[in-house]
């Protein structure tokens, strides 16, 4: 999709040794362990199969299913169809985890589930579809933010004064490193929620300002989540998600604004056919980019450094910590 390529977007060359980590570990210390994590989000259900060595993820396998759990017609309720699709995805992922031989597994549910009045129906469906699965952890906004920061830093080396921004389907997180720990706040403003609620850009911005104003400033932020990784792929002209290609890519404020303008020119239904990257995200990409531009304005940032790391990586690294490995 060459129309969406924008000049000036570069890889910053700061990618952590995730892909090359094994080369940096002495041969005699290369004892590995396998872990797994599932992220039940508002737009997708994602799986991470991770091989960990020396406190780092050295090999990974990822899968993603779009179930639109947070896109139900009734506010505050998960649709029955999305619940069944999500439970089915978890069951299929658990079989892959069994075949992979993971020693420990976590299942994390975020904003759409924690806000849903009928979340017990989802949890019950998951228990029926995947009785061998561990209990689903419905995390708070602060927990979600901490996991995102930890996962981003596990994937990409960056100065701790740079905050992490995670724009999801139902919520967005802004996380600074303060007093030796990730200190994040979550706003109930995500790409799917904005679309389903019909909020204007002004109302969306107002809701973000109400939560994020005064949290801190930074010229650079670390970008996590499907909107920003999709934007990175589009701006490179990719036709399929390639984590190695987008890891550490630097996006400018002007580049994101230009991309938003180009996508807004197309009707919502037509955006899905503009690029294979937009097949499952075209309906919400404009809302996601507007959230991103608003948060960058609030923080005073001109650049975003993108990472494919995030909540899933953070969830795995917490398992590694409890297994007494040395990590971040």
C-alpha atoms as a PDB file:
ATOM      1  CA  UNK A   1       0.000   0.000   0.000  1.00  0.00           C
ATOM      2  CA  UNK A   2       2.450   2.599  -1.214  1.00  0.00           C
ATOM      3  CA  UNK A   3       0.023   5.483  -0.693  1.00  0.00           C
ATOM      4  CA  UNK A   4       0.556   5.122   3.038  1.00  0.00           C
ATOM      5  CA  UNK A   5       4.338   5.164   3.020  1.00  0.00           C
ATOM      6  CA  UNK A   6       5.725   8.292   4.607  1.00  0.00           C
ATOM      7  CA  UNK A   7       9.307   9.429   4.507  1.00  0.00           C
ATOM      8  CA  UNK A   8      11.431  10.021   7.560  1.00  0.00           C
ATOM      9  CA  UNK A   9      10.435   6.950   9.559  1.00  0.00           C
ATOM     10  CA  UNK A  10      13.539   5.088  10.704  1.00  0.00           C
ATOM     11  CA  UNK A  11      14.581   2.246  12.935  1.00  0.00           C
ATOM     12  CA  UNK A  12      16.481   3.716  15.865  1.00  0.00           C
ATOM     13  CA  UNK A  13      18.846   0.776  16.231  1.00  0.00           C
ATOM     14  CA  UNK A  14      18.069   0.309  19.918  1.00  0.00           C
ATOM     15  CA  UNK A  15      16.407  -3.074  19.707  1.00  0.00           C
ATOM     16  CA  UNK A  16      17.216  -5.159  22.764  1.00  0.00           C
ATOM     17  CA  UNK A  17      19.024  -8.435  22.247  1.00  0.00           C
ATOM     18  CA  UNK A  18      15.771 -10.370  22.157  1.00  0.00           C
ATOM     19  CA  UNK A  19      16.379 -11.804  18.710  1.00  0.00           C
ATOM     20  CA  UNK A  20      20.125 -12.149  19.294  1.00  0.00           C
ATOM     21  CA  UNK A  21      20.078 -12.851  23.016  1.00  0.00           C
ATOM     22  CA  UNK A  22      21.409 -16.379  22.730  1.00  0.00           C
ATOM     23  CA  UNK A  23      24.610 -15.054  21.186  1.00  0.00           C
ATOM     24  CA  UNK A  24      25.257 -12.963  24.298  1.00  0.00           C
ATOM     25  CA  UNK A  25      24.831 -15.831  26.781  1.00  0.00           C
ATOM     26  CA  UNK A  26      27.852 -18.084  27.488  1.00  0.00           C
ATOM     27  CA  UNK A  27      27.416 -21.564  26.054  1.00  0.00           C
ATOM     28  CA  UNK A  28      27.476 -23.208  29.490  1.00  0.00           C
ATOM     29  CA  UNK A  29      24.696 -20.944  30.801  1.00  0.00           C
ATOM     30  CA  UNK A  30      22.183 -21.583  28.034  1.00  0.00           C
ATOM     31  CA  UNK A  31      19.626 -23.424  30.124  1.00  0.00           C
ATOM     32  CA  UNK A  32      16.195 -22.553  28.856  1.00  0.00           C
ATOM     33  CA  UNK A  33      12.650 -22.768  30.166  1.00  0.00           C
ATOM     34  CA  UNK A  34       9.379 -22.445  28.293  1.00  0.00           C
ATOM     35  CA  UNK A  35       6.487 -20.224  29.331  1.00  0.00           C
ATOM     36  CA  UNK A  36       3.166 -19.168  27.826  1.00  0.00           C
ATOM     37  CA  UNK A  37       0.758 -16.274  28.226  1.00  0.00           C
ATOM     38  CA  UNK A  38      -2.641 -15.435  26.774  1.00  0.00           C
ATOM     39  CA  UNK A  39      -3.968 -11.879  26.590  1.00  0.00           C
ATOM     40  CA  UNK A  40      -7.758 -11.535  26.376  1.00  0.00           C
ATOM     41  CA  UNK A  41      -8.177  -8.014  25.064  1.00  0.00           C
ATOM     42  CA  UNK A  42     -11.011  -5.879  23.797  1.00  0.00           C
ATOM     43  CA  UNK A  43     -10.243  -6.499  20.127  1.00  0.00           C
ATOM     44  CA  UNK A  44      -8.053  -9.601  20.046  1.00  0.00           C
ATOM     45  CA  UNK A  45      -6.989 -12.704  21.934  1.00  0.00           C
ATOM     46  CA  UNK A  46      -3.236 -13.164  21.724  1.00  0.00           C
ATOM     47  CA  UNK A  47      -0.874 -16.010  22.558  1.00  0.00           C
ATOM     48  CA  UNK A  48       2.824 -15.863  23.390  1.00  0.00           C
ATOM     49  CA  UNK A  49       4.961 -18.984  23.591  1.00  0.00           C
ATOM     50  CA  UNK A  50       8.311 -17.927  24.996  1.00  0.00           C
ATOM     51  CA  UNK A  51      11.622 -19.617  25.548  1.00  0.00           C
ATOM     52  CA  UNK A  52      13.549 -17.872  28.301  1.00  0.00           C
ATOM     53  CA  UNK A  53      17.281 -18.064  28.938  1.00  0.00           C
ATOM     54  CA  UNK A  54      19.325 -15.954  31.321  1.00  0.00           C
ATOM     55  CA  UNK A  55      16.259 -13.968  32.302  1.00  0.00           C
ATOM     56  CA  UNK A  56      15.489 -12.973  28.709  1.00  0.00           C
ATOM     57  CA  UNK A  57      13.040 -14.126  26.083  1.00  0.00           C
ATOM     58  CA  UNK A  58      15.273 -15.579  23.392  1.00  0.00           C
ATOM     59  CA  UNK A  59      12.697 -17.244  21.151  1.00  0.00           C
ATOM     60  CA  UNK A  60       9.025 -16.512  20.738  1.00  0.00           C
ATOM     61  CA  UNK A  61       5.965 -17.652  18.862  1.00  0.00           C
ATOM     62  CA  UNK A  62       2.921 -15.402  18.630  1.00  0.00           C
ATOM     63  CA  UNK A  63      -0.657 -15.927  17.479  1.00  0.00           C
ATOM     64  CA  UNK A  64      -3.568 -13.525  17.358  1.00  0.00           C
ATOM     65  CA  UNK A  65      -7.328 -13.910  16.861  1.00  0.00           C
ATOM     66  CA  UNK A  66      -9.715 -10.999  16.385  1.00  0.00           C
ATOM     67  CA  UNK A  67     -12.826 -11.651  18.507  1.00  0.00           C
ATOM     68  CA  UNK A  68     -13.988  -8.060  19.180  1.00  0.00           C
ATOM     69  CA  UNK A  69     -14.893  -8.885  22.760  1.00  0.00           C
ATOM     70  CA  UNK A  70     -15.339  -5.210  23.573  1.00  0.00           C
ATOM     71  CA  UNK A  71     -17.531  -4.391  20.577  1.00  0.00           C
ATOM     72  CA  UNK A  72     -20.899  -5.593  21.861  1.00  0.00           C
ATOM     73  CA  UNK A  73     -23.997  -3.572  21.025  1.00  0.00           C
ATOM     74  CA  UNK A  74     -25.082  -3.288  24.670  1.00  0.00           C
ATOM     75  CA  UNK A  75     -22.816  -0.981  26.726  1.00  0.00           C
ATOM     76  CA  UNK A  76     -21.040  -2.814  29.524  1.00  0.00           C
ATOM     77  CA  UNK A  77     -21.935  -6.255  28.196  1.00  0.00           C
ATOM     78  CA  UNK A  78     -19.856  -8.767  26.255  1.00  0.00           C
ATOM     79  CA  UNK A  79     -21.704 -10.235  23.297  1.00  0.00           C
ATOM     80  CA  UNK A  80     -22.531 -13.930  23.407  1.00  0.00           C
ATOM     81  CA  UNK A  81     -20.904 -14.462  20.019  1.00  0.00           C
ATOM     82  CA  UNK A  82     -17.656 -12.786  21.093  1.00  0.00           C
ATOM     83  CA  UNK A  83     -17.646 -14.769  24.340  1.00  0.00           C
ATOM     84  CA  UNK A  84     -17.876 -18.048  22.432  1.00  0.00           C
ATOM     85  CA  UNK A  85     -15.177 -17.031  19.968  1.00  0.00           C
ATOM     86  CA  UNK A  86     -12.911 -15.983  22.833  1.00  0.00           C
ATOM     87  CA  UNK A  87     -13.443 -19.209  24.780  1.00  0.00           C
ATOM     88  CA  UNK A  88     -12.765 -21.209  21.616  1.00  0.00           C
ATOM     89  CA  UNK A  89      -9.555 -19.274  21.010  1.00  0.00           C
ATOM     90  CA  UNK A  90      -8.378 -19.922  24.582  1.00  0.00           C
ATOM     91  CA  UNK A  91      -9.123 -23.650  24.223  1.00  0.00           C
ATOM     92  CA  UNK A  92      -7.145 -23.854  20.980  1.00  0.00           C
ATOM     93  CA  UNK A  93      -4.286 -21.886  22.507  1.00  0.00           C
ATOM     94  CA  UNK A  94      -4.189 -24.218  25.517  1.00  0.00           C
ATOM     95  CA  UNK A  95      -3.706 -27.177  23.168  1.00  0.00           C
ATOM     96  CA  UNK A  96      -0.811 -25.348  21.489  1.00  0.00           C
ATOM     97  CA  UNK A  97       0.652 -24.607  24.923  1.00  0.00           C
ATOM     98  CA  UNK A  98       0.407 -28.309  25.836  1.00  0.00           C
ATOM     99  CA  UNK A  99       2.204 -29.280  22.650  1.00  0.00           C
ATOM    100  CA  UNK A 100       4.819 -26.592  23.244  1.00  0.00           C
ATOM    101  CA  UNK A 101       5.570 -27.933  26.705  1.00  0.00           C
ATOM    102  CA  UNK A 102       5.349 -24.685  28.654  1.00  0.00           C
ATOM    103  CA  UNK A 103       6.157 -25.144  32.331  1.00  0.00           C
ATOM    104  CA  UNK A 104       3.877 -22.298  33.423  1.00  0.00           C
ATOM    105  CA  UNK A 105       1.027 -20.363  31.818  1.00  0.00           C
ATOM    106  CA  UNK A 106      -0.910 -17.184  32.569  1.00  0.00           C
ATOM    107  CA  UNK A 107      -4.163 -15.899  31.126  1.00  0.00           C
ATOM    108  CA  UNK A 108      -4.658 -12.140  31.500  1.00  0.00           C
ATOM    109  CA  UNK A 109      -7.918 -10.271  30.818  1.00  0.00           C
ATOM    110  CA  UNK A 110      -7.938  -6.506  30.558  1.00  0.00           C
ATOM    111  CA  UNK A 111     -10.328  -3.573  30.284  1.00  0.00           C
ATOM    112  CA  UNK A 112     -13.232  -5.048  28.324  1.00  0.00           C
ATOM    113  CA  UNK A 113     -13.550  -7.952  30.756  1.00  0.00           C
ATOM    114  CA  UNK A 114     -12.980  -6.029  33.971  1.00  0.00           C
ATOM    115  CA  UNK A 115     -15.652  -3.489  32.963  1.00  0.00           C
ATOM    116  CA  UNK A 116     -18.243  -6.043  31.808  1.00  0.00           C
ATOM    117  CA  UNK A 117     -21.281  -6.759  33.945  1.00  0.00           C
ATOM    118  CA  UNK A 118     -21.456 -10.274  32.470  1.00  0.00           C
ATOM    119  CA  UNK A 119     -17.782 -11.172  32.724  1.00  0.00           C
ATOM    120  CA  UNK A 120     -18.628 -14.273  34.771  1.00  0.00           C
ATOM    121  CA  UNK A 121     -20.322 -15.675  31.669  1.00  0.00           C
ATOM    122  CA  UNK A 122     -17.033 -15.390  29.776  1.00  0.00           C
ATOM    123  CA  UNK A 123     -15.038 -16.945  32.614  1.00  0.00           C
ATOM    124  CA  UNK A 124     -17.524 -19.808  32.819  1.00  0.00           C
ATOM    125  CA  UNK A 125     -17.352 -20.410  29.061  1.00  0.00           C
ATOM    126  CA  UNK A 126     -13.559 -20.519  29.230  1.00  0.00           C
ATOM    127  CA  UNK A 127     -13.639 -23.040  32.071  1.00  0.00           C
ATOM    128  CA  UNK A 128     -15.985 -25.248  30.026  1.00  0.00           C
ATOM    129  CA  UNK A 129     -13.996 -24.935  26.793  1.00  0.00           C
ATOM    130  CA  UNK A 130     -10.568 -25.279  28.422  1.00  0.00           C
ATOM    131  CA  UNK A 131     -10.868 -26.993  31.822  1.00  0.00           C
ATOM    132  CA  UNK A 132      -7.097 -27.433  31.979  1.00  0.00           C
ATOM    133  CA  UNK A 133      -6.475 -23.683  31.675  1.00  0.00           C
ATOM    134  CA  UNK A 134      -5.275 -21.672  34.681  1.00  0.00           C
ATOM    135  CA  UNK A 135      -7.711 -19.223  36.231  1.00  0.00           C
ATOM    136  CA  UNK A 136      -8.118 -16.041  34.223  1.00  0.00           C
ATOM    137  CA  UNK A 137      -6.520 -13.050  35.931  1.00  0.00           C
ATOM    138  CA  UNK A 138      -8.715  -9.974  35.445  1.00  0.00           C
ATOM    139  CA  UNK A 139      -6.146  -7.257  36.073  1.00  0.00           C
ATOM    140  CA  UNK A 140      -6.689  -3.673  37.158  1.00  0.00           C
ATOM    141  CA  UNK A 141      -5.699  -0.710  35.029  1.00  0.00           C
ATOM    142  CA  UNK A 142      -2.558  -0.141  37.109  1.00  0.00           C
ATOM    143  CA  UNK A 143      -1.600  -3.813  36.842  1.00  0.00           C
ATOM    144  CA  UNK A 144      -2.151  -3.699  33.090  1.00  0.00           C
ATOM    145  CA  UNK A 145       0.062  -0.621  32.856  1.00  0.00           C
ATOM    146  CA  UNK A 146       2.848  -2.227  34.911  1.00  0.00           C
ATOM    147  CA  UNK A 147       2.806  -5.363  32.757  1.00  0.00           C
ATOM    148  CA  UNK A 148       2.972  -3.282  29.581  1.00  0.00           C
ATOM    149  CA  UNK A 149       5.973  -1.316  30.842  1.00  0.00           C
ATOM    150  CA  UNK A 150       7.783  -4.437  31.964  1.00  0.00           C
ATOM    151  CA  UNK A 151       7.125  -6.188  28.667  1.00  0.00           C
ATOM    152  CA  UNK A 152       8.221  -3.192  26.612  1.00  0.00           C
ATOM    153  CA  UNK A 153      11.495  -2.893  28.505  1.00  0.00           C
ATOM    154  CA  UNK A 154      12.104  -6.636  28.269  1.00  0.00           C
ATOM    155  CA  UNK A 155      11.834  -6.339  24.496  1.00  0.00           C
ATOM    156  CA  UNK A 156      13.535  -3.021  23.823  1.00  0.00           C
ATOM    157  CA  UNK A 157      16.320  -1.195  25.639  1.00  0.00           C
ATOM    158  CA  UNK A 158      15.356   2.419  26.248  1.00  0.00           C
ATOM    159  CA  UNK A 159      16.041   5.151  28.818  1.00  0.00           C
ATOM    160  CA  UNK A 160      13.753   4.741  31.820  1.00  0.00           C
ATOM    161  CA  UNK A 161      12.772   8.397  31.650  1.00  0.00           C
ATOM    162  CA  UNK A 162      10.862   7.629  28.463  1.00  0.00           C
ATOM    163  CA  UNK A 163       7.275   6.672  29.294  1.00  0.00           C
ATOM    164  CA  UNK A 164       5.428   3.759  27.726  1.00  0.00           C
ATOM    165  CA  UNK A 165       2.075   4.336  26.020  1.00  0.00           C
ATOM    166  CA  UNK A 166      -0.226   1.394  25.334  1.00  0.00           C
ATOM    167  CA  UNK A 167      -3.336   2.132  23.270  1.00  0.00           C
ATOM    168  CA  UNK A 168      -5.711  -0.812  23.320  1.00  0.00           C
ATOM    169  CA  UNK A 169      -9.259  -1.580  22.327  1.00  0.00           C
ATOM    170  CA  UNK A 170     -11.042  -0.419  25.479  1.00  0.00           C
ATOM    171  CA  UNK A 171      -8.390   1.489  27.411  1.00  0.00           C
ATOM    172  CA  UNK A 172      -5.104   3.340  27.072  1.00  0.00           C
ATOM    173  CA  UNK A 173      -2.231   3.398  29.528  1.00  0.00           C
ATOM    174  CA  UNK A 174       0.466   5.999  30.180  1.00  0.00           C
ATOM    175  CA  UNK A 175       3.304   4.649  32.307  1.00  0.00           C
ATOM    176  CA  UNK A 176       6.286   6.504  33.731  1.00  0.00           C
ATOM    177  CA  UNK A 177       9.147   4.960  35.691  1.00  0.00           C
ATOM    178  CA  UNK A 178       9.171   6.638  39.095  1.00  0.00           C
ATOM    179  CA  UNK A 179      10.771   5.767  42.421  1.00  0.00           C
ATOM    180  CA  UNK A 180      12.157   2.513  41.089  1.00  0.00           C
ATOM    181  CA  UNK A 181       8.910   1.151  39.679  1.00  0.00           C
ATOM    182  CA  UNK A 182       6.439   1.498  36.839  1.00  0.00           C
ATOM    183  CA  UNK A 183       3.803   4.065  37.783  1.00  0.00           C
ATOM    184  CA  UNK A 184       0.958   3.966  35.308  1.00  0.00           C
ATOM    185  CA  UNK A 185      -2.556   5.254  34.929  1.00  0.00           C
ATOM    186  CA  UNK A 186      -5.281   3.850  32.700  1.00  0.00           C
ATOM    187  CA  UNK A 187      -7.995   5.754  30.829  1.00  0.00           C
ATOM    188  CA  UNK A 188     -11.169   4.014  29.681  1.00  0.00           C
ATOM    189  CA  UNK A 189     -10.532   5.254  26.158  1.00  0.00           C
ATOM    190  CA  UNK A 190      -9.559   2.708  23.515  1.00  0.00           C
ATOM    191  CA  UNK A 191     -10.044   2.342  19.781  1.00  0.00           C
ATOM    192  CA  UNK A 192     -12.975  -0.095  19.970  1.00  0.00           C
ATOM    193  CA  UNK A 193     -14.652   1.796  22.830  1.00  0.00           C
ATOM    194  CA  UNK A 194     -14.439   5.098  20.950  1.00  0.00           C
ATOM    195  CA  UNK A 195     -15.912   3.550  17.809  1.00  0.00           C
ATOM    196  CA  UNK A 196     -18.765   1.814  19.641  1.00  0.00           C
ATOM    197  CA  UNK A 197     -19.550   4.876  21.757  1.00  0.00           C
ATOM    198  CA  UNK A 198     -19.576   7.242  18.782  1.00  0.00           C
ATOM    199  CA  UNK A 199     -17.434   9.804  20.615  1.00  0.00           C
ATOM    200  CA  UNK A 200     -16.271  12.782  18.605  1.00  0.00           C
ATOM    201  CA  UNK A 201     -12.599  13.615  18.434  1.00  0.00           C
ATOM    202  CA  UNK A 202     -13.192  16.488  20.851  1.00  0.00           C
ATOM    203  CA  UNK A 203     -14.912  14.231  23.383  1.00  0.00           C
ATOM    204  CA  UNK A 204     -12.240  11.564  23.016  1.00  0.00           C
ATOM    205  CA  UNK A 205      -9.529  14.145  23.647  1.00  0.00           C
ATOM    206  CA  UNK A 206     -11.395  15.544  26.639  1.00  0.00           C
ATOM    207  CA  UNK A 207     -11.615  12.109  28.242  1.00  0.00           C
ATOM    208  CA  UNK A 208      -7.889  11.525  27.717  1.00  0.00           C
ATOM    209  CA  UNK A 209      -6.930  14.936  29.096  1.00  0.00           C
ATOM    210  CA  UNK A 210      -9.043  14.288  32.198  1.00  0.00           C
ATOM    211  CA  UNK A 211      -6.898  11.275  33.086  1.00  0.00           C
ATOM    212  CA  UNK A 212      -3.453  12.020  31.666  1.00  0.00           C
ATOM    213  CA  UNK A 213      -2.967  15.764  32.205  1.00  0.00           C
ATOM    214  CA  UNK A 214      -0.193  16.475  34.679  1.00  0.00           C
ATOM    215  CA  UNK A 215       1.272  12.976  34.583  1.00  0.00           C
ATOM    216  CA  UNK A 216       4.561  14.110  33.087  1.00  0.00           C
ATOM    217  CA  UNK A 217       6.325  15.211  29.916  1.00  0.00           C
ATOM    218  CA  UNK A 218       8.786  13.532  27.570  1.00  0.00           C
ATOM    219  CA  UNK A 219      10.002  14.269  24.023  1.00  0.00           C
ATOM    220  CA  UNK A 220       9.958  10.543  23.225  1.00  0.00           C
ATOM    221  CA  UNK A 221       7.556   7.752  24.211  1.00  0.00           C
ATOM    222  CA  UNK A 222       7.701   3.992  23.750  1.00  0.00           C
ATOM    223  CA  UNK A 223       4.751   2.717  21.719  1.00  0.00           C
ATOM    224  CA  UNK A 224       2.932  -0.523  22.512  1.00  0.00           C
ATOM    225  CA  UNK A 225      -0.236  -2.055  21.099  1.00  0.00           C
ATOM    226  CA  UNK A 226      -1.904  -2.939  17.820  1.00  0.00           C
ATOM    227  CA  UNK A 227      -2.554   0.584  16.579  1.00  0.00           C
ATOM    228  CA  UNK A 228       1.058   1.734  16.734  1.00  0.00           C
ATOM    229  CA  UNK A 229       2.559  -1.526  15.452  1.00  0.00           C
ATOM    230  CA  UNK A 230       0.090  -1.439  12.545  1.00  0.00           C
ATOM    231  CA  UNK A 231       1.037   2.181  11.846  1.00  0.00           C
ATOM    232  CA  UNK A 232       4.711   1.202  11.849  1.00  0.00           C
ATOM    233  CA  UNK A 233       4.026  -1.567   9.341  1.00  0.00           C
ATOM    234  CA  UNK A 234       1.960   0.682   7.078  1.00  0.00           C
ATOM    235  CA  UNK A 235       4.599   3.376   7.069  1.00  0.00           C
ATOM    236  CA  UNK A 236       7.186   0.785   6.000  1.00  0.00           C
ATOM    237  CA  UNK A 237       4.911  -0.579   3.293  1.00  0.00           C
ATOM    238  CA  UNK A 238       4.680  -4.004   4.925  1.00  0.00           C
ATOM    239  CA  UNK A 239       1.876  -6.345   3.911  1.00  0.00           C
ATOM    240  CA  UNK A 240       2.176  -8.628   6.957  1.00  0.00           C
ATOM    241  CA  UNK A 241       3.105  -8.065  10.572  1.00  0.00           C
ATOM    242  CA  UNK A 242       6.856  -8.527  11.034  1.00  0.00           C
ATOM    243  CA  UNK A 243       7.993  -7.885  14.584  1.00  0.00           C
ATOM    244  CA  UNK A 244      11.664  -7.819  13.646  1.00  0.00           C
ATOM    245  CA  UNK A 245      10.977  -5.070  11.082  1.00  0.00           C
ATOM    246  CA  UNK A 246       8.978  -2.799  13.372  1.00  0.00           C
ATOM    247  CA  UNK A 247      10.981  -3.353  16.573  1.00  0.00           C
ATOM    248  CA  UNK A 248      12.716  -0.081  17.441  1.00  0.00           C
ATOM    249  CA  UNK A 249      11.178   1.817  14.532  1.00  0.00           C
ATOM    250  CA  UNK A 250      10.908   5.537  15.207  1.00  0.00           C
ATOM    251  CA  UNK A 251       7.722   7.299  14.114  1.00  0.00           C
ATOM    252  CA  UNK A 252       7.340  11.061  14.025  1.00  0.00           C
ATOM    253  CA  UNK A 253       4.322  13.019  15.166  1.00  0.00           C
ATOM    254  CA  UNK A 254       4.002  14.456  11.663  1.00  0.00           C
ATOM    255  CA  UNK A 255       4.192  11.005  10.101  1.00  0.00           C
ATOM    256  CA  UNK A 256       1.365   9.694  12.282  1.00  0.00           C
ATOM    257  CA  UNK A 257      -0.731  12.791  11.595  1.00  0.00           C
ATOM    258  CA  UNK A 258      -0.231  12.322   7.849  1.00  0.00           C
ATOM    259  CA  UNK A 259      -1.206   8.654   8.098  1.00  0.00           C
ATOM    260  CA  UNK A 260      -4.353   9.575  10.019  1.00  0.00           C
ATOM    261  CA  UNK A 261      -5.286  12.138   7.381  1.00  0.00           C
ATOM    262  CA  UNK A 262      -4.834   9.627   4.559  1.00  0.00           C
ATOM    263  CA  UNK A 263      -6.893   6.939   6.291  1.00  0.00           C
ATOM    264  CA  UNK A 264      -9.655   9.347   7.296  1.00  0.00           C
ATOM    265  CA  UNK A 265     -10.168  10.156   3.611  1.00  0.00           C
ATOM    266  CA  UNK A 266     -11.521   6.612   3.090  1.00  0.00           C
ATOM    267  CA  UNK A 267     -14.899   5.393   4.376  1.00  0.00           C
ATOM    268  CA  UNK A 268     -14.649   3.110   7.408  1.00  0.00           C
ATOM    269  CA  UNK A 269     -15.658  -0.026   5.489  1.00  0.00           C
ATOM    270  CA  UNK A 270     -13.124   0.679   2.724  1.00  0.00           C
ATOM    271  CA  UNK A 271     -10.151   0.989   5.082  1.00  0.00           C
ATOM    272  CA  UNK A 272     -10.046  -2.757   5.671  1.00  0.00           C
ATOM    273  CA  UNK A 273      -9.148  -3.357   2.031  1.00  0.00           C
ATOM    274  CA  UNK A 274      -6.372  -0.748   1.829  1.00  0.00           C
ATOM    275  CA  UNK A 275      -3.737  -3.141   3.176  1.00  0.00           C
ATOM    276  CA  UNK A 276      -3.632  -6.710   4.527  1.00  0.00           C
ATOM    277  CA  UNK A 277      -2.507  -5.110   7.801  1.00  0.00           C
ATOM    278  CA  UNK A 278      -5.887  -3.376   8.013  1.00  0.00           C
ATOM    279  CA  UNK A 279      -8.069  -6.384   7.223  1.00  0.00           C
ATOM    280  CA  UNK A 280      -8.991  -6.862  10.900  1.00  0.00           C
ATOM    281  CA  UNK A 281      -8.089  -3.374  12.154  1.00  0.00           C
ATOM    282  CA  UNK A 282      -9.294  -0.986   9.472  1.00  0.00           C
ATOM    283  CA  UNK A 283     -12.566  -0.275  11.269  1.00  0.00           C
ATOM    284  CA  UNK A 284     -10.793   1.104  14.338  1.00  0.00           C
ATOM    285  CA  UNK A 285      -7.445   2.383  13.042  1.00  0.00           C
ATOM    286  CA  UNK A 286      -8.568   6.012  12.749  1.00  0.00           C
ATOM    287  CA  UNK A 287      -9.853   6.059  16.325  1.00  0.00           C
ATOM    288  CA  UNK A 288      -6.627   4.464  17.523  1.00  0.00           C
ATOM    289  CA  UNK A 289      -4.426   6.981  15.725  1.00  0.00           C
ATOM    290  CA  UNK A 290      -6.450   9.911  17.076  1.00  0.00           C
ATOM    291  CA  UNK A 291      -5.938   8.569  20.600  1.00  0.00           C
ATOM    292  CA  UNK A 292      -2.223   8.319  19.890  1.00  0.00           C
ATOM    293  CA  UNK A 293      -1.935  11.887  18.598  1.00  0.00           C
ATOM    294  CA  UNK A 294      -3.868  13.208  21.584  1.00  0.00           C
ATOM    295  CA  UNK A 295      -1.643  11.407  24.099  1.00  0.00           C
ATOM    296  CA  UNK A 296       1.504  12.620  22.318  1.00  0.00           C
ATOM    297  CA  UNK A 297       0.201  16.194  22.578  1.00  0.00           C
ATOM    298  CA  UNK A 298      -0.534  15.740  26.279  1.00  0.00           C
ATOM    299  CA  UNK A 299       2.950  14.373  26.968  1.00  0.00           C
ATOM    300  CA  UNK A 300       4.671  16.850  24.630  1.00  0.00           C
ATOM    301  CA  UNK A 301       6.270  14.072  22.594  1.00  0.00           C
ATOM    302  CA  UNK A 302       7.429  14.423  18.994  1.00  0.00           C
ATOM    303  CA  UNK A 303       8.540  10.821  18.493  1.00  0.00           C
ATOM    304  CA  UNK A 304       7.341   7.285  19.203  1.00  0.00           C
ATOM    305  CA  UNK A 305       9.725   4.333  19.345  1.00  0.00           C
ATOM    306  CA  UNK A 306       7.744   1.185  18.590  1.00  0.00           C
ATOM    307  CA  UNK A 307       8.063  -2.218  20.208  1.00  0.00           C
ATOM    308  CA  UNK A 308       6.153  -5.438  19.726  1.00  0.00           C
ATOM    309  CA  UNK A 309       6.655  -6.105  23.426  1.00  0.00           C
ATOM    310  CA  UNK A 310       3.976  -5.333  25.942  1.00  0.00           C
ATOM    311  CA  UNK A 311       1.568  -7.033  28.284  1.00  0.00           C
ATOM    312  CA  UNK A 312       2.272 -10.595  27.109  1.00  0.00           C
ATOM    313  CA  UNK A 313       6.017 -10.193  27.511  1.00  0.00           C
ATOM    314  CA  UNK A 314       5.456  -8.612  30.904  1.00  0.00           C
ATOM    315  CA  UNK A 315       3.232 -11.477  32.005  1.00  0.00           C
ATOM    316  CA  UNK A 316       5.901 -14.008  31.030  1.00  0.00           C
ATOM    317  CA  UNK A 317       8.668 -12.067  32.730  1.00  0.00           C
ATOM    318  CA  UNK A 318       6.671 -12.000  35.976  1.00  0.00           C
ATOM    319  CA  UNK A 319       6.504 -15.787  35.799  1.00  0.00           C
ATOM    320  CA  UNK A 320      10.259 -15.857  35.290  1.00  0.00           C
ATOM    321  CA  UNK A 321      10.722 -13.653  38.352  1.00  0.00           C
ATOM    322  CA  UNK A 322       8.700 -15.957  40.575  1.00  0.00           C
ATOM    323  CA  UNK A 323      10.827 -18.841  39.301  1.00  0.00           C
ATOM    324  CA  UNK A 324      13.828 -17.017  40.809  1.00  0.00           C
ATOM    325  CA  UNK A 325      15.496 -15.955  37.568  1.00  0.00           C
ATOM    326  CA  UNK A 326      17.315 -12.641  37.339  1.00  0.00           C
ATOM    327  CA  UNK A 327      15.398 -10.200  35.172  1.00  0.00           C
ATOM    328  CA  UNK A 328      14.689  -6.472  34.723  1.00  0.00           C
END
